[in-house]
Protein backbone atom coordinates (compact mmCIF):
# COMPACT_ATOMS: atom_id res chain seq x y z
CA MET A 1 -20.75 -9.19 22.40
CA LYS A 2 -23.44 -8.56 19.83
CA ILE A 3 -22.38 -7.74 16.24
CA ASP A 4 -24.40 -4.93 14.66
CA LYS A 5 -25.34 -6.20 11.20
CA ASP A 6 -25.49 -2.73 9.65
CA GLU A 7 -22.02 -1.87 11.03
CA ALA A 8 -20.63 -5.20 9.77
CA ARG A 9 -22.15 -4.53 6.32
CA GLN A 10 -20.70 -1.02 6.21
CA THR A 11 -17.28 -2.34 7.25
CA GLY A 12 -17.47 -5.03 4.56
CA ILE A 13 -18.30 -2.44 1.93
CA GLN A 14 -15.48 -0.21 3.22
CA LEU A 15 -13.03 -3.09 2.99
CA LEU A 16 -14.18 -3.89 -0.54
CA LYS A 17 -13.71 -0.29 -1.60
CA TYR A 18 -10.33 -0.18 0.08
CA GLY A 19 -9.41 -3.32 -1.82
CA VAL A 20 -10.38 -1.78 -5.12
CA ILE A 21 -8.27 1.28 -4.43
CA GLY A 22 -5.50 -1.02 -3.22
CA VAL A 23 -5.53 -2.92 -6.50
CA LEU A 24 -5.35 0.36 -8.43
CA ASN A 25 -2.51 1.61 -6.29
CA THR A 26 -0.73 -1.75 -6.60
CA LEU A 27 -0.93 -1.49 -10.36
CA ILE A 28 0.35 2.10 -10.34
CA THR A 29 3.20 1.12 -8.01
CA LEU A 30 4.12 -2.06 -9.85
CA VAL A 31 4.05 -0.52 -13.31
CA THR A 32 6.12 2.44 -12.09
CA PHE A 33 8.59 0.10 -10.37
CA TYR A 34 8.84 -2.18 -13.41
CA LEU A 35 9.37 0.70 -15.84
CA LEU A 36 11.95 2.49 -13.72
CA ASN A 37 13.82 -0.57 -12.41
CA THR A 38 13.63 -3.09 -15.21
CA LYS A 39 13.34 -0.91 -18.26
CA LEU A 40 15.28 2.21 -17.26
CA GLY A 41 17.74 0.46 -14.92
CA LEU A 42 17.17 2.66 -11.90
CA SER A 43 17.93 1.14 -8.47
CA TYR A 44 15.43 -0.94 -6.53
CA GLY A 45 15.10 1.75 -3.82
CA ILE A 46 14.49 4.69 -6.15
CA SER A 47 12.07 2.74 -8.27
CA ASN A 48 10.22 1.48 -5.18
CA VAL A 49 9.85 4.89 -3.60
CA ALA A 50 8.76 6.52 -6.85
CA GLY A 51 6.06 3.89 -7.32
CA TYR A 52 4.80 4.43 -3.79
CA ILE A 53 4.75 8.19 -4.15
CA LEU A 54 2.47 7.95 -7.16
CA GLY A 55 0.35 5.35 -5.42
CA VAL A 56 -0.01 7.36 -2.23
CA LEU A 57 -1.20 10.48 -4.04
CA ASN A 58 -3.88 8.42 -5.78
CA SER A 59 -4.69 6.59 -2.59
CA PHE A 60 -5.22 9.66 -0.38
CA MET A 61 -7.79 11.21 -2.68
CA TRP A 62 -9.76 8.00 -3.24
CA ASN A 63 -9.65 6.95 0.41
CA ARG A 64 -10.65 10.33 1.72
CA ASN A 65 -13.47 10.88 -0.71
CA TRP A 66 -14.79 7.38 -1.53
CA VAL A 67 -13.68 4.79 1.03
CA PHE A 68 -13.82 6.60 4.36
CA LYS A 69 -15.89 9.58 3.11
CA THR A 70 -14.56 12.17 5.50
CA LYS A 71 -15.12 15.91 5.51
CA ASN A 72 -12.58 16.59 8.23
CA ASN A 73 -9.64 18.93 8.23
CA PHE A 74 -7.92 18.25 4.89
CA LYS A 75 -4.42 19.27 6.11
CA ARG A 76 -4.68 17.16 9.29
CA GLU A 77 -5.71 14.08 7.35
CA LEU A 78 -3.09 14.63 4.70
CA VAL A 79 -0.36 14.91 7.35
CA LEU A 80 -1.61 11.78 9.14
CA PHE A 81 -1.93 9.91 5.84
CA VAL A 82 1.64 10.83 4.79
CA CYS A 83 2.93 9.80 8.27
CA GLY A 84 1.16 6.45 7.90
CA PHE A 85 2.51 6.07 4.44
CA LEU A 86 6.05 6.70 5.64
CA LEU A 87 5.69 4.23 8.57
CA CYS A 88 4.24 1.55 6.30
CA LEU A 89 6.83 2.23 3.56
CA ALA A 90 9.57 1.78 6.19
CA LEU A 91 8.00 -1.52 7.17
CA GLN A 92 7.78 -2.55 3.47
CA LEU A 93 11.43 -1.63 2.93
CA CYS A 94 12.50 -3.67 5.95
CA VAL A 95 10.62 -6.68 4.67
CA SER A 96 12.17 -6.15 1.22
CA TRP A 97 15.67 -5.92 2.70
CA ILE A 98 15.15 -9.13 4.76
CA LEU A 99 13.96 -11.04 1.71
CA LEU A 100 16.47 -9.61 -0.77
CA GLU A 101 19.60 -9.45 1.39
CA GLY A 102 18.87 -11.64 4.41
CA LEU A 103 17.34 -14.54 2.45
CA GLY A 104 19.17 -13.87 -0.82
CA TRP A 105 16.09 -13.61 -2.99
CA LYS A 106 17.79 -10.97 -5.13
CA ASN A 107 19.71 -13.88 -6.69
CA LEU A 108 16.61 -15.83 -7.79
CA PRO A 109 16.94 -16.95 -11.42
CA ASP A 110 15.24 -14.81 -14.01
CA ASP A 111 13.22 -17.79 -15.22
CA ILE A 112 11.83 -18.71 -11.76
CA ILE A 113 8.29 -18.05 -13.15
CA PRO A 114 8.32 -20.30 -16.21
CA LEU A 115 5.67 -18.49 -18.29
CA PHE A 116 6.90 -15.02 -17.38
CA PRO A 117 10.70 -14.83 -17.32
CA MET A 118 12.04 -11.36 -16.48
CA ARG A 119 15.21 -9.62 -15.54
CA LYS A 120 15.59 -9.12 -11.79
CA ALA A 121 12.83 -11.64 -11.04
CA GLY A 122 13.67 -11.82 -7.37
CA GLN A 123 13.30 -8.05 -6.94
CA ASN A 124 9.96 -8.09 -8.68
CA ILE A 125 8.68 -11.01 -6.57
CA VAL A 126 9.88 -9.38 -3.39
CA MET A 127 8.22 -6.15 -4.34
CA LEU A 128 4.88 -7.91 -4.71
CA LEU A 129 5.15 -9.75 -1.37
CA ALA A 130 6.26 -6.67 0.51
CA MET A 131 3.33 -4.76 -0.94
CA VAL A 132 0.93 -7.15 0.82
CA VAL A 133 2.57 -6.31 4.14
CA TYR A 134 2.37 -2.58 3.33
CA THR A 135 -1.29 -2.75 2.32
CA LEU A 136 -2.50 -4.54 5.44
CA ALA A 137 -0.51 -2.25 7.76
CA ASN A 138 -1.69 0.83 5.90
CA TYR A 139 -5.36 -0.11 6.07
CA ILE A 140 -5.19 -0.67 9.81
CA TYR A 141 -3.35 2.64 10.32
CA ASN A 142 -5.75 4.63 8.18
CA ARG A 143 -8.87 3.10 9.66
CA THR A 144 -7.68 3.67 13.26
CA VAL A 145 -5.69 6.92 12.94
CA THR A 146 -6.13 8.99 9.76
CA PHE A 147 -9.87 8.49 9.10
CA ARG A 148 -10.86 7.31 12.60
CA VAL A 149 -14.45 7.39 13.66
CA ASP A 150 -15.26 7.42 17.37
CA PRO A 151 -17.97 5.14 18.78
CA LYS A 152 -20.53 8.01 18.57
CA GLY A 153 -19.92 8.20 14.80
CA ASP A 154 -18.07 11.50 15.01
CA THR A 155 -14.78 12.04 13.22
CA PRO A 156 -12.00 14.24 14.59
CA LYS A 157 -11.80 17.80 13.29
């Protein structure tokens, strides 16, 4: 199997752009989660979902217009994007539940990170780890479903 250098380069650029948007979305999600959960005392679940909603709105616009550069049916892509978000969020919540409840990470001491002690340290650490799972699953979904390009270079209408 011969690897097309131009295609590999384009994929690399796409992954880099996706990563940049991912970092921005991660910051939006983490800051929202931290403010709602730690500062305002809202539950883990509500804070988590609120952070992801803000992140997904930002993500759709940037991914559609900058990362995958599609001009396809906006409504179709939005529906697929939201479906992918919900699937990946469910996966993220399952990972969070396993770590928090199954492995008991919700009881980690607040000073587990010596230079950055915080209330609910375990919840914040789990949030970060589960976001990695979400991000990888979401990229694969969006590349292969939402913003898919067939081998001829055409995108679905």
